[in-house]
Amino acid sequence: MWEAIAALPEWLIVGLGIAAAASLLIAAAFAAGEWLFPPLDDRQHAPEREGAERRVSEIRSYLDGIGERYVEDATVDGQRVRFYLPERDVAITFDARTFYRLDGSETEPVLVEHELPGASLGSRLPFETPTVDADPDIDHSVASAFAALGVPASADAEEVRRAYRRRIKDAHPDQGGDEAEFRRIRDAYDTAREHAD
């Protein structure tokens, strides 16, 4: 084997040595960057996730409220959409690229910003929607409790329990969470559990 390497031209051996050294140097730079600038902790993204979960929950509640059948996280024309209304061939997405890729297809795309309240979705839908009044049996504090857990107000006790367990892990002070957020989620769970179906 050494004889075969020795038979190679000197410029090739030097080039391979330089390439190996450069690869090691680049790998070391990436390792140092990872050490100096660690990836963001998931808890730093918790408010964004919480808002997105709340929007999805509100849209789910709205679609349930108008009696519209839907599929969540569906693939339509090769594009992943958050909600798909199969009877109307309408795709609801938060992603502008997906919206533009579906625009002009048989499916009617609807782009929704994460900040849009779920109850405002009706004005975006390409069909006539009934007016949905707030459930008179659920007061605002109860609705807020369900929203804080990221579940619809129609959630059953098991859904409420699962949502609470998922949310409380990130908010617990022993896990680096905020004490006030921890209390808010605990109080929301107490309220939602009392009113769960």
N, C-alpha and C. Protein backbone atom coordinates (compact mmCIF):
# COMPACT_ATOMS: atom_id res chain seq x y z
N MET A 1 0.83 -1.19 0.00
CA MET A 1 0.00 0.00 0.00
C MET A 1 0.88 1.26 0.00
N TRP A 2 1.95 1.25 0.83
CA TRP A 2 2.83 2.42 0.88
C TRP A 2 3.53 2.64 -0.45
N GLU A 3 3.77 1.53 -1.14
CA GLU A 3 4.42 1.65 -2.45
C GLU A 3 3.50 2.37 -3.43
N ALA A 4 2.18 2.07 -3.34
CA ALA A 4 1.21 2.72 -4.23
C ALA A 4 1.12 4.21 -3.93
N ILE A 5 1.16 4.57 -2.65
CA ILE A 5 1.11 5.98 -2.26
C ILE A 5 2.38 6.69 -2.71
N ALA A 6 3.51 6.03 -2.55
CA ALA A 6 4.79 6.63 -2.95
C ALA A 6 4.86 6.84 -4.46
N ALA A 7 4.09 6.04 -5.21
CA ALA A 7 4.09 6.17 -6.67
C ALA A 7 3.27 7.37 -7.14
N LEU A 8 2.43 7.93 -6.26
CA LEU A 8 1.60 9.07 -6.63
C LEU A 8 2.47 10.32 -6.79
N PRO A 9 2.03 11.24 -7.63
CA PRO A 9 2.80 12.47 -7.79
C PRO A 9 2.82 13.27 -6.48
N GLU A 10 3.90 13.96 -6.24
CA GLU A 10 4.07 14.72 -5.00
C GLU A 10 2.98 15.78 -4.83
N TRP A 11 2.58 16.46 -5.91
CA TRP A 11 1.55 17.50 -5.84
C TRP A 11 0.22 16.95 -5.37
N LEU A 12 -0.10 15.68 -5.73
CA LEU A 12 -1.35 15.06 -5.31
C LEU A 12 -1.32 14.76 -3.81
N ILE A 13 -0.19 14.26 -3.32
CA ILE A 13 -0.07 13.95 -1.90
C ILE A 13 -0.15 15.23 -1.07
N VAL A 14 0.53 16.29 -1.53
CA VAL A 14 0.46 17.57 -0.81
C VAL A 14 -0.97 18.11 -0.83
N GLY A 15 -1.65 18.00 -1.96
CA GLY A 15 -3.04 18.48 -2.08
C GLY A 15 -3.98 17.74 -1.14
N LEU A 16 -3.81 16.41 -1.06
CA LEU A 16 -4.65 15.62 -0.13
C LEU A 16 -4.36 16.00 1.32
N GLY A 17 -3.09 16.25 1.64
CA GLY A 17 -2.74 16.68 3.00
C GLY A 17 -3.36 18.02 3.36
N ILE A 18 -3.32 18.95 2.42
CA ILE A 18 -3.92 20.28 2.66
C ILE A 18 -5.44 20.15 2.82
N ALA A 19 -6.06 19.31 2.01
CA ALA A 19 -7.52 19.11 2.10
C ALA A 19 -7.90 18.52 3.45
N ALA A 20 -7.11 17.53 3.93
CA ALA A 20 -7.39 16.91 5.23
C ALA A 20 -7.23 17.93 6.36
N ALA A 21 -6.17 18.75 6.28
CA ALA A 21 -5.94 19.77 7.31
C ALA A 21 -7.06 20.81 7.30
N ALA A 22 -7.50 21.22 6.10
CA ALA A 22 -8.58 22.20 6.00
C ALA A 22 -9.88 21.62 6.56
N SER A 23 -10.15 20.35 6.30
CA SER A 23 -11.37 19.71 6.84
C SER A 23 -11.35 19.69 8.35
N LEU A 24 -10.20 19.35 8.93
CA LEU A 24 -10.09 19.35 10.39
C LEU A 24 -10.26 20.75 10.97
N LEU A 25 -9.70 21.73 10.29
CA LEU A 25 -9.83 23.12 10.74
C LEU A 25 -11.29 23.58 10.70
N ILE A 26 -12.00 23.25 9.66
CA ILE A 26 -13.42 23.62 9.54
C ILE A 26 -14.25 22.90 10.60
N ALA A 27 -13.97 21.62 10.83
CA ALA A 27 -14.69 20.87 11.87
C ALA A 27 -14.44 21.50 13.24
N ALA A 28 -13.21 21.90 13.49
CA ALA A 28 -12.90 22.54 14.77
C ALA A 28 -13.62 23.88 14.91
N ALA A 29 -13.73 24.64 13.81
CA ALA A 29 -14.45 25.92 13.85
C ALA A 29 -15.92 25.70 14.17
N PHE A 30 -16.53 24.66 13.59
CA PHE A 30 -17.94 24.38 13.89
C PHE A 30 -18.11 23.95 15.34
N ALA A 31 -17.20 23.13 15.84
CA ALA A 31 -17.28 22.69 17.24
C ALA A 31 -17.14 23.89 18.18
N ALA A 32 -16.20 24.79 17.86
CA ALA A 32 -16.02 25.98 18.69
C ALA A 32 -17.26 26.87 18.64
N GLY A 33 -17.85 27.01 17.46
CA GLY A 33 -19.08 27.81 17.33
C GLY A 33 -20.22 27.23 18.14
N GLU A 34 -20.34 25.92 18.13
CA GLU A 34 -21.39 25.25 18.92
C GLU A 34 -21.16 25.48 20.41
N TRP A 35 -19.89 25.48 20.81
CA TRP A 35 -19.57 25.68 22.21
C TRP A 35 -19.78 27.13 22.62
N LEU A 36 -19.35 28.08 21.78
CA LEU A 36 -19.47 29.50 22.10
C LEU A 36 -20.89 30.02 21.95
N PHE A 37 -21.61 29.50 20.97
CA PHE A 37 -22.98 29.95 20.68
C PHE A 37 -23.91 28.76 20.67
N PRO A 38 -24.29 28.25 21.84
CA PRO A 38 -25.13 27.05 21.89
C PRO A 38 -26.50 27.32 21.26
N PRO A 39 -27.16 26.26 20.76
CA PRO A 39 -28.48 26.44 20.16
C PRO A 39 -29.45 27.01 21.20
N LEU A 40 -30.46 27.71 20.70
CA LEU A 40 -31.46 28.29 21.60
C LEU A 40 -32.19 27.18 22.34
N ASP A 41 -32.45 27.43 23.59
CA ASP A 41 -33.20 26.50 24.41
C ASP A 41 -34.66 26.52 23.96
N ASP A 42 -35.31 25.37 23.98
CA ASP A 42 -36.71 25.28 23.58
C ASP A 42 -37.59 26.21 24.41
N ARG A 43 -37.20 26.46 25.66
CA ARG A 43 -38.03 27.33 26.50
C ARG A 43 -38.04 28.76 25.98
N GLN A 44 -36.99 29.16 25.25
CA GLN A 44 -36.97 30.50 24.69
C GLN A 44 -37.99 30.64 23.57
N HIS A 45 -38.39 29.53 22.97
CA HIS A 45 -39.38 29.55 21.92
C HIS A 45 -40.78 29.25 22.45
N ALA A 46 -40.91 29.04 23.75
CA ALA A 46 -42.20 28.67 24.34
C ALA A 46 -43.30 29.68 24.05
N PRO A 47 -43.06 31.01 24.16
CA PRO A 47 -44.14 31.95 23.87
C PRO A 47 -44.62 31.85 22.42
N GLU A 48 -43.70 31.64 21.48
CA GLU A 48 -44.10 31.49 20.08
C GLU A 48 -44.95 30.23 19.91
N ARG A 49 -44.50 29.13 20.52
CA ARG A 49 -45.25 27.88 20.42
C ARG A 49 -46.61 28.02 21.07
N GLU A 50 -46.64 28.69 22.22
CA GLU A 50 -47.90 28.87 22.94
C GLU A 50 -48.90 29.63 22.08
N GLY A 51 -48.44 30.71 21.43
CA GLY A 51 -49.33 31.49 20.57
C GLY A 51 -49.81 30.68 19.38
N ALA A 52 -48.92 29.91 18.78
CA ALA A 52 -49.30 29.08 17.63
C ALA A 52 -50.28 28.00 18.06
N GLU A 53 -50.03 27.37 19.21
CA GLU A 53 -50.95 26.34 19.70
C GLU A 53 -52.33 26.95 19.99
N ARG A 54 -52.33 28.15 20.54
CA ARG A 54 -53.60 28.80 20.85
C ARG A 54 -54.37 29.10 19.56
N ARG A 55 -53.66 29.59 18.52
CA ARG A 55 -54.33 29.87 17.24
C ARG A 55 -54.92 28.60 16.63
N VAL A 56 -54.14 27.53 16.66
CA VAL A 56 -54.62 26.26 16.12
C VAL A 56 -55.85 25.80 16.91
N SER A 57 -55.79 25.94 18.21
CA SER A 57 -56.93 25.56 19.05
C SER A 57 -58.15 26.43 18.74
N GLU A 58 -57.94 27.73 18.54
CA GLU A 58 -59.05 28.63 18.22
C GLU A 58 -59.64 28.30 16.85
N ILE A 59 -58.78 28.00 15.88
CA ILE A 59 -59.29 27.65 14.54
C ILE A 59 -60.06 26.33 14.61
N ARG A 60 -59.53 25.39 15.35
CA ARG A 60 -60.22 24.11 15.54
C ARG A 60 -61.60 24.35 16.16
N SER A 61 -61.66 25.18 17.20
CA SER A 61 -62.94 25.49 17.86
C SER A 61 -63.89 26.18 16.90
N TYR A 62 -63.35 27.10 16.08
CA TYR A 62 -64.20 27.81 15.13
C TYR A 62 -64.79 26.84 14.10
N LEU A 63 -63.94 25.98 13.55
CA LEU A 63 -64.43 25.03 12.54
C LEU A 63 -65.44 24.06 13.15
N ASP A 64 -65.20 23.65 14.40
CA ASP A 64 -66.20 22.82 15.08
C ASP A 64 -67.50 23.60 15.27
N GLY A 65 -67.36 24.89 15.63
CA GLY A 65 -68.53 25.73 15.88
C GLY A 65 -69.40 25.94 14.65
N ILE A 66 -68.80 25.98 13.47
CA ILE A 66 -69.61 26.16 12.25
C ILE A 66 -69.97 24.81 11.63
N GLY A 67 -69.54 23.73 12.29
CA GLY A 67 -69.91 22.39 11.81
C GLY A 67 -69.18 21.96 10.55
N GLU A 68 -67.98 22.49 10.35
CA GLU A 68 -67.21 22.17 9.15
C GLU A 68 -66.26 21.01 9.44
N ARG A 69 -66.33 19.97 8.61
CA ARG A 69 -65.44 18.82 8.77
C ARG A 69 -64.05 19.20 8.27
N TYR A 70 -63.00 18.79 9.00
CA TYR A 70 -61.64 19.16 8.62
C TYR A 70 -60.67 18.04 8.97
N VAL A 71 -59.51 18.11 8.34
CA VAL A 71 -58.41 17.20 8.62
C VAL A 71 -57.22 18.07 8.99
N GLU A 72 -56.56 17.74 10.08
CA GLU A 72 -55.39 18.52 10.50
C GLU A 72 -54.11 17.93 9.93
N ASP A 73 -53.15 18.80 9.65
CA ASP A 73 -51.83 18.40 9.13
C ASP A 73 -51.97 17.48 7.93
N ALA A 74 -52.69 17.93 6.93
CA ALA A 74 -52.93 17.14 5.73
C ALA A 74 -51.94 17.53 4.63
N THR A 75 -51.77 16.63 3.67
CA THR A 75 -50.96 16.92 2.49
C THR A 75 -51.91 17.11 1.32
N VAL A 76 -51.84 18.27 0.68
CA VAL A 76 -52.71 18.61 -0.44
C VAL A 76 -51.83 19.03 -1.61
N ASP A 77 -51.97 18.36 -2.72
CA ASP A 77 -51.15 18.65 -3.91
C ASP A 77 -49.66 18.72 -3.56
N GLY A 78 -49.21 17.81 -2.72
CA GLY A 78 -47.80 17.76 -2.35
C GLY A 78 -47.37 18.79 -1.32
N GLN A 79 -48.32 19.58 -0.80
CA GLN A 79 -48.01 20.63 0.18
C GLN A 79 -48.64 20.28 1.52
N ARG A 80 -47.89 20.51 2.58
CA ARG A 80 -48.38 20.26 3.93
C ARG A 80 -49.19 21.47 4.38
N VAL A 81 -50.44 21.26 4.78
CA VAL A 81 -51.30 22.35 5.27
C VAL A 81 -51.76 22.03 6.68
N ARG A 82 -52.07 23.07 7.45
CA ARG A 82 -52.47 22.88 8.86
C ARG A 82 -53.87 22.30 8.96
N PHE A 83 -54.80 22.81 8.16
CA PHE A 83 -56.17 22.30 8.13
C PHE A 83 -56.60 22.13 6.68
N TYR A 84 -57.34 21.07 6.42
CA TYR A 84 -57.90 20.85 5.09
C TYR A 84 -59.38 20.54 5.25
N LEU A 85 -60.21 21.26 4.49
CA LEU A 85 -61.65 21.05 4.51
C LEU A 85 -62.00 20.24 3.26
N PRO A 86 -62.08 18.91 3.37
CA PRO A 86 -62.23 18.07 2.19
C PRO A 86 -63.53 18.28 1.43
N GLU A 87 -64.61 18.58 2.11
CA GLU A 87 -65.89 18.76 1.42
C GLU A 87 -65.91 20.02 0.57
N ARG A 88 -65.07 20.98 0.92
CA ARG A 88 -65.02 22.26 0.19
C ARG A 88 -63.73 22.42 -0.61
N ASP A 89 -62.79 21.49 -0.44
CA ASP A 89 -61.48 21.54 -1.09
C ASP A 89 -60.77 22.86 -0.78
N VAL A 90 -60.71 23.17 0.52
CA VAL A 90 -60.07 24.39 1.02
C VAL A 90 -58.93 23.99 1.94
N ALA A 91 -57.77 24.59 1.72
CA ALA A 91 -56.59 24.33 2.54
C ALA A 91 -56.26 25.59 3.35
N ILE A 92 -56.10 25.43 4.66
CA ILE A 92 -55.75 26.54 5.54
C ILE A 92 -54.31 26.35 5.98
N THR A 93 -53.49 27.36 5.75
CA THR A 93 -52.07 27.26 6.07
C THR A 93 -51.57 28.54 6.72
N PHE A 94 -50.50 28.40 7.50
CA PHE A 94 -49.81 29.54 8.10
C PHE A 94 -48.59 29.92 7.26
N ASP A 95 -48.25 29.11 6.25
CA ASP A 95 -47.02 29.29 5.47
C ASP A 95 -47.32 29.94 4.13
N ALA A 96 -46.73 31.10 3.89
CA ALA A 96 -46.98 31.84 2.64
C ALA A 96 -46.50 31.05 1.42
N ARG A 97 -45.38 30.34 1.55
CA ARG A 97 -44.89 29.56 0.40
C ARG A 97 -45.89 28.49 0.00
N THR A 98 -46.45 27.82 0.99
CA THR A 98 -47.47 26.80 0.70
C THR A 98 -48.68 27.43 0.05
N PHE A 99 -49.09 28.60 0.56
CA PHE A 99 -50.23 29.31 -0.02
C PHE A 99 -50.00 29.59 -1.51
N TYR A 100 -48.84 30.14 -1.84
CA TYR A 100 -48.55 30.48 -3.24
C TYR A 100 -48.37 29.25 -4.12
N ARG A 101 -47.88 28.17 -3.56
CA ARG A 101 -47.76 26.94 -4.34
C ARG A 101 -49.12 26.34 -4.66
N LEU A 102 -50.08 26.52 -3.76
CA LEU A 102 -51.43 26.00 -3.99
C LEU A 102 -52.29 26.95 -4.79
N ASP A 103 -51.92 28.22 -4.82
CA ASP A 103 -52.70 29.22 -5.57
C ASP A 103 -52.71 28.83 -7.05
N GLY A 104 -53.87 28.78 -7.62
CA GLY A 104 -54.01 28.38 -9.02
C GLY A 104 -54.30 26.90 -9.19
N SER A 105 -54.25 26.13 -8.11
CA SER A 105 -54.60 24.71 -8.19
C SER A 105 -56.10 24.55 -7.97
N GLU A 106 -56.57 23.34 -8.02
CA GLU A 106 -58.00 23.06 -7.77
C GLU A 106 -58.38 23.42 -6.34
N THR A 107 -57.43 23.27 -5.43
CA THR A 107 -57.68 23.55 -4.02
C THR A 107 -57.62 25.05 -3.77
N GLU A 108 -58.56 25.55 -3.00
CA GLU A 108 -58.59 26.98 -2.64
C GLU A 108 -57.74 27.17 -1.38
N PRO A 109 -56.58 27.85 -1.49
CA PRO A 109 -55.76 28.06 -0.29
C PRO A 109 -56.21 29.29 0.50
N VAL A 110 -56.06 29.21 1.82
CA VAL A 110 -56.36 30.34 2.70
C VAL A 110 -55.14 30.54 3.58
N LEU A 111 -54.56 31.74 3.52
CA LEU A 111 -53.39 32.07 4.33
C LEU A 111 -53.86 32.75 5.61
N VAL A 112 -53.39 32.24 6.73
CA VAL A 112 -53.78 32.77 8.04
C VAL A 112 -52.52 33.15 8.79
N GLU A 113 -52.47 34.36 9.30
CA GLU A 113 -51.34 34.78 10.12
C GLU A 113 -51.51 34.15 11.50
N HIS A 114 -50.39 33.92 12.18
CA HIS A 114 -50.46 33.34 13.52
C HIS A 114 -51.19 34.25 14.49
N GLU A 115 -51.24 35.55 14.20
CA GLU A 115 -51.87 36.49 15.11
C GLU A 115 -53.39 36.58 14.91
N LEU A 116 -53.92 36.02 13.82
CA LEU A 116 -55.34 36.13 13.53
C LEU A 116 -56.15 35.31 14.52
N PRO A 117 -57.09 35.93 15.23
CA PRO A 117 -57.94 35.14 16.13
C PRO A 117 -58.75 34.12 15.33
N GLY A 118 -58.93 32.95 15.91
CA GLY A 118 -59.66 31.88 15.22
C GLY A 118 -61.05 32.28 14.78
N ALA A 119 -61.73 33.11 15.58
CA ALA A 119 -63.09 33.53 15.23
C ALA A 119 -63.13 34.42 14.00
N SER A 120 -61.99 35.00 13.62
CA SER A 120 -61.93 35.86 12.43
C SER A 120 -61.68 35.07 11.15
N LEU A 121 -61.53 33.78 11.27
CA LEU A 121 -61.24 32.96 10.10
C LEU A 121 -62.38 33.00 9.08
N GLY A 122 -63.61 33.13 9.55
CA GLY A 122 -64.76 33.12 8.65
C GLY A 122 -64.67 34.13 7.53
N SER A 123 -64.10 35.29 7.79
CA SER A 123 -63.99 36.31 6.75
C SER A 123 -62.98 35.93 5.68
N ARG A 124 -62.09 35.00 5.97
CA ARG A 124 -61.07 34.56 5.01
C ARG A 124 -61.54 33.38 4.16
N LEU A 125 -62.49 32.63 4.68
CA LEU A 125 -62.92 31.42 3.97
C LEU A 125 -63.69 31.78 2.70
N PRO A 126 -63.49 31.00 1.63
CA PRO A 126 -64.11 31.32 0.34
C PRO A 126 -65.54 30.82 0.21
N PHE A 127 -66.24 30.71 1.31
CA PHE A 127 -67.64 30.29 1.28
C PHE A 127 -68.37 30.98 2.43
N GLU A 128 -69.67 30.98 2.34
CA GLU A 128 -70.51 31.62 3.36
C GLU A 128 -70.41 30.85 4.67
N THR A 129 -70.11 31.56 5.75
CA THR A 129 -70.00 30.90 7.05
C THR A 129 -71.04 31.46 8.00
N PRO A 130 -71.61 30.60 8.84
CA PRO A 130 -72.57 31.10 9.82
C PRO A 130 -71.87 31.91 10.90
N THR A 131 -72.60 32.78 11.54
CA THR A 131 -72.05 33.55 12.65
C THR A 131 -72.01 32.65 13.86
N VAL A 132 -70.87 32.65 14.52
CA VAL A 132 -70.71 31.81 15.71
C VAL A 132 -70.64 32.72 16.91
N ASP A 133 -71.61 32.57 17.78
CA ASP A 133 -71.61 33.34 19.02
C ASP A 133 -70.79 32.59 20.05
N ALA A 134 -70.25 33.33 20.98
CA ALA A 134 -69.52 32.70 22.08
C ALA A 134 -70.49 31.80 22.83
N ASP A 135 -70.00 30.68 23.29
CA ASP A 135 -70.83 29.74 24.03
C ASP A 135 -71.31 30.41 25.31
N PRO A 136 -72.64 30.59 25.48
CA PRO A 136 -73.13 31.28 26.66
C PRO A 136 -72.89 30.51 27.95
N ASP A 137 -72.65 29.20 27.83
CA ASP A 137 -72.43 28.40 29.03
C ASP A 137 -70.99 28.50 29.54
N ILE A 138 -70.10 29.09 28.73
CA ILE A 138 -68.70 29.20 29.13
C ILE A 138 -68.37 30.67 29.28
N ASP A 139 -67.96 31.08 30.48
CA ASP A 139 -67.60 32.48 30.64
C ASP A 139 -66.16 32.70 30.15
N HIS A 140 -65.77 33.98 30.09
CA HIS A 140 -64.47 34.32 29.52
C HIS A 140 -63.31 33.68 30.27
N SER A 141 -63.39 33.60 31.60
CA SER A 141 -62.29 33.03 32.37
C SER A 141 -62.12 31.55 32.07
N VAL A 142 -63.21 30.86 31.84
CA VAL A 142 -63.14 29.43 31.51
C VAL A 142 -62.53 29.27 30.11
N ALA A 143 -62.97 30.08 29.17
CA ALA A 143 -62.41 30.01 27.81
C ALA A 143 -60.92 30.33 27.84
N SER A 144 -60.53 31.30 28.67
CA SER A 144 -59.11 31.64 28.80
C SER A 144 -58.31 30.49 29.40
N ALA A 145 -58.92 29.76 30.33
CA ALA A 145 -58.23 28.62 30.94
C ALA A 145 -57.94 27.55 29.90
N PHE A 146 -58.93 27.24 29.06
CA PHE A 146 -58.72 26.24 28.01
C PHE A 146 -57.67 26.74 27.02
N ALA A 147 -57.72 28.02 26.66
CA ALA A 147 -56.75 28.59 25.72
C ALA A 147 -55.34 28.55 26.30
N ALA A 148 -55.20 28.80 27.60
CA ALA A 148 -53.88 28.78 28.24
C ALA A 148 -53.26 27.39 28.17
N LEU A 149 -54.11 26.37 28.14
CA LEU A 149 -53.61 25.00 28.02
C LEU A 149 -53.45 24.58 26.57
N GLY A 150 -53.95 25.39 25.65
CA GLY A 150 -53.81 25.09 24.23
C GLY A 150 -54.79 24.05 23.73
N VAL A 151 -55.96 23.95 24.37
CA VAL A 151 -56.99 23.00 23.94
C VAL A 151 -58.30 23.75 23.71
N PRO A 152 -59.19 23.20 22.88
CA PRO A 152 -60.47 23.86 22.67
C PRO A 152 -61.35 23.75 23.91
N ALA A 153 -62.32 24.63 24.02
CA ALA A 153 -63.23 24.63 25.17
C ALA A 153 -64.07 23.36 25.22
N SER A 154 -64.11 22.61 24.12
CA SER A 154 -64.88 21.36 24.09
C SER A 154 -64.04 20.16 24.50
N ALA A 155 -62.80 20.39 24.95
CA ALA A 155 -61.90 19.29 25.31
C ALA A 155 -62.44 18.50 26.49
N ASP A 156 -62.20 17.19 26.46
CA ASP A 156 -62.63 16.37 27.59
C ASP A 156 -61.54 16.38 28.67
N ALA A 157 -61.85 15.76 29.80
CA ALA A 157 -60.95 15.79 30.95
C ALA A 157 -59.58 15.21 30.63
N GLU A 158 -59.54 14.15 29.82
CA GLU A 158 -58.26 13.53 29.47
C GLU A 158 -57.41 14.45 28.61
N GLU A 159 -58.03 15.15 27.64
CA GLU A 159 -57.29 16.12 26.81
C GLU A 159 -56.73 17.24 27.68
N VAL A 160 -57.53 17.71 28.62
CA VAL A 160 -57.10 18.78 29.52
C VAL A 160 -55.91 18.31 30.36
N ARG A 161 -55.99 17.09 30.87
CA ARG A 161 -54.90 16.55 31.69
C ARG A 161 -53.61 16.42 30.87
N ARG A 162 -53.71 15.88 29.65
CA ARG A 162 -52.52 15.73 28.81
C ARG A 162 -51.90 17.09 28.47
N ALA A 163 -52.75 18.06 28.14
CA ALA A 163 -52.25 19.40 27.80
C ALA A 163 -51.57 20.03 29.01
N TYR A 164 -52.16 19.85 30.18
CA TYR A 164 -51.57 20.40 31.41
C TYR A 164 -50.19 19.80 31.67
N ARG A 165 -50.09 18.49 31.55
CA ARG A 165 -48.81 17.82 31.82
C ARG A 165 -47.73 18.27 30.84
N ARG A 166 -48.14 18.48 29.59
CA ARG A 166 -47.19 18.94 28.57
C ARG A 166 -46.72 20.37 28.87
N ARG A 167 -47.66 21.24 29.23
CA ARG A 167 -47.34 22.65 29.46
C ARG A 167 -46.58 22.87 30.77
N ILE A 168 -46.93 22.09 31.80
CA ILE A 168 -46.35 22.35 33.11
C ILE A 168 -44.87 21.96 33.16
N LYS A 169 -44.47 21.02 32.30
CA LYS A 169 -43.05 20.61 32.28
C LYS A 169 -42.15 21.81 31.96
N ASP A 170 -42.52 22.59 30.96
CA ASP A 170 -41.70 23.74 30.56
C ASP A 170 -41.79 24.89 31.56
N ALA A 171 -42.94 25.01 32.21
CA ALA A 171 -43.15 26.16 33.09
C ALA A 171 -42.66 25.93 34.52
N HIS A 172 -42.39 24.68 34.87
CA HIS A 172 -42.01 24.38 36.26
C HIS A 172 -40.70 25.08 36.61
N PRO A 173 -40.66 25.78 37.77
CA PRO A 173 -39.44 26.49 38.17
C PRO A 173 -38.21 25.58 38.29
N ASP A 174 -38.41 24.32 38.66
CA ASP A 174 -37.29 23.39 38.76
C ASP A 174 -36.68 23.08 37.40
N GLN A 175 -37.44 23.33 36.33
CA GLN A 175 -36.95 23.11 34.97
C GLN A 175 -36.52 24.41 34.31
N GLY A 176 -36.38 25.46 35.10
CA GLY A 176 -35.95 26.75 34.57
C GLY A 176 -37.10 27.63 34.13
N GLY A 177 -38.33 27.22 34.44
CA GLY A 177 -39.50 28.00 34.05
C GLY A 177 -39.76 29.16 35.00
N ASP A 178 -40.77 29.92 34.66
CA ASP A 178 -41.15 31.12 35.41
C ASP A 178 -42.21 30.76 36.44
N GLU A 179 -42.05 31.23 37.67
CA GLU A 179 -42.99 30.93 38.76
C GLU A 179 -44.40 31.44 38.44
N ALA A 180 -44.50 32.64 37.89
CA ALA A 180 -45.81 33.21 37.57
C ALA A 180 -46.51 32.39 36.48
N GLU A 181 -45.75 31.99 35.46
CA GLU A 181 -46.32 31.16 34.39
C GLU A 181 -46.75 29.81 34.94
N PHE A 182 -45.96 29.25 35.83
CA PHE A 182 -46.28 27.98 36.47
C PHE A 182 -47.62 28.08 37.21
N ARG A 183 -47.79 29.15 37.99
CA ARG A 183 -49.06 29.34 38.72
C ARG A 183 -50.23 29.55 37.76
N ARG A 184 -49.99 30.31 36.68
CA ARG A 184 -51.06 30.57 35.71
C ARG A 184 -51.54 29.27 35.05
N ILE A 185 -50.60 28.41 34.70
CA ILE A 185 -50.98 27.14 34.07
C ILE A 185 -51.68 26.24 35.07
N ARG A 186 -51.20 26.23 36.30
CA ARG A 186 -51.83 25.40 37.33
C ARG A 186 -53.27 25.88 37.59
N ASP A 187 -53.46 27.21 37.67
CA ASP A 187 -54.81 27.75 37.88
C ASP A 187 -55.71 27.46 36.67
N ALA A 188 -55.14 27.58 35.46
CA ALA A 188 -55.91 27.27 34.25
C ALA A 188 -56.35 25.83 34.25
N TYR A 189 -55.47 24.94 34.69
CA TYR A 189 -55.81 23.52 34.74
C TYR A 189 -56.95 23.27 35.72
N ASP A 190 -56.88 23.89 36.89
CA ASP A 190 -57.96 23.72 37.88
C ASP A 190 -59.30 24.15 37.30
N THR A 191 -59.31 25.29 36.63
CA THR A 191 -60.55 25.81 36.05
C THR A 191 -61.03 24.94 34.90
N ALA A 192 -60.11 24.58 33.98
CA ALA A 192 -60.50 23.78 32.81
C ALA A 192 -60.97 22.40 33.23
N ARG A 193 -60.34 21.82 34.23
CA ARG A 193 -60.73 20.47 34.68
C ARG A 193 -62.16 20.48 35.21
N GLU A 194 -62.54 21.54 35.89
CA GLU A 194 -63.91 21.64 36.42
C GLU A 194 -64.96 21.72 35.31
N HIS A 195 -64.58 22.31 34.17
CA HIS A 195 -65.54 22.54 33.10
C HIS A 195 -65.35 21.63 31.89
N ALA A 196 -64.44 20.64 32.00
CA ALA A 196 -64.19 19.74 30.88
C ALA A 196 -65.38 18.82 30.68
N ASP A 197 -65.62 18.47 29.40
CA ASP A 197 -66.74 17.55 29.08
C ASP A 197 -66.47 16.16 29.60
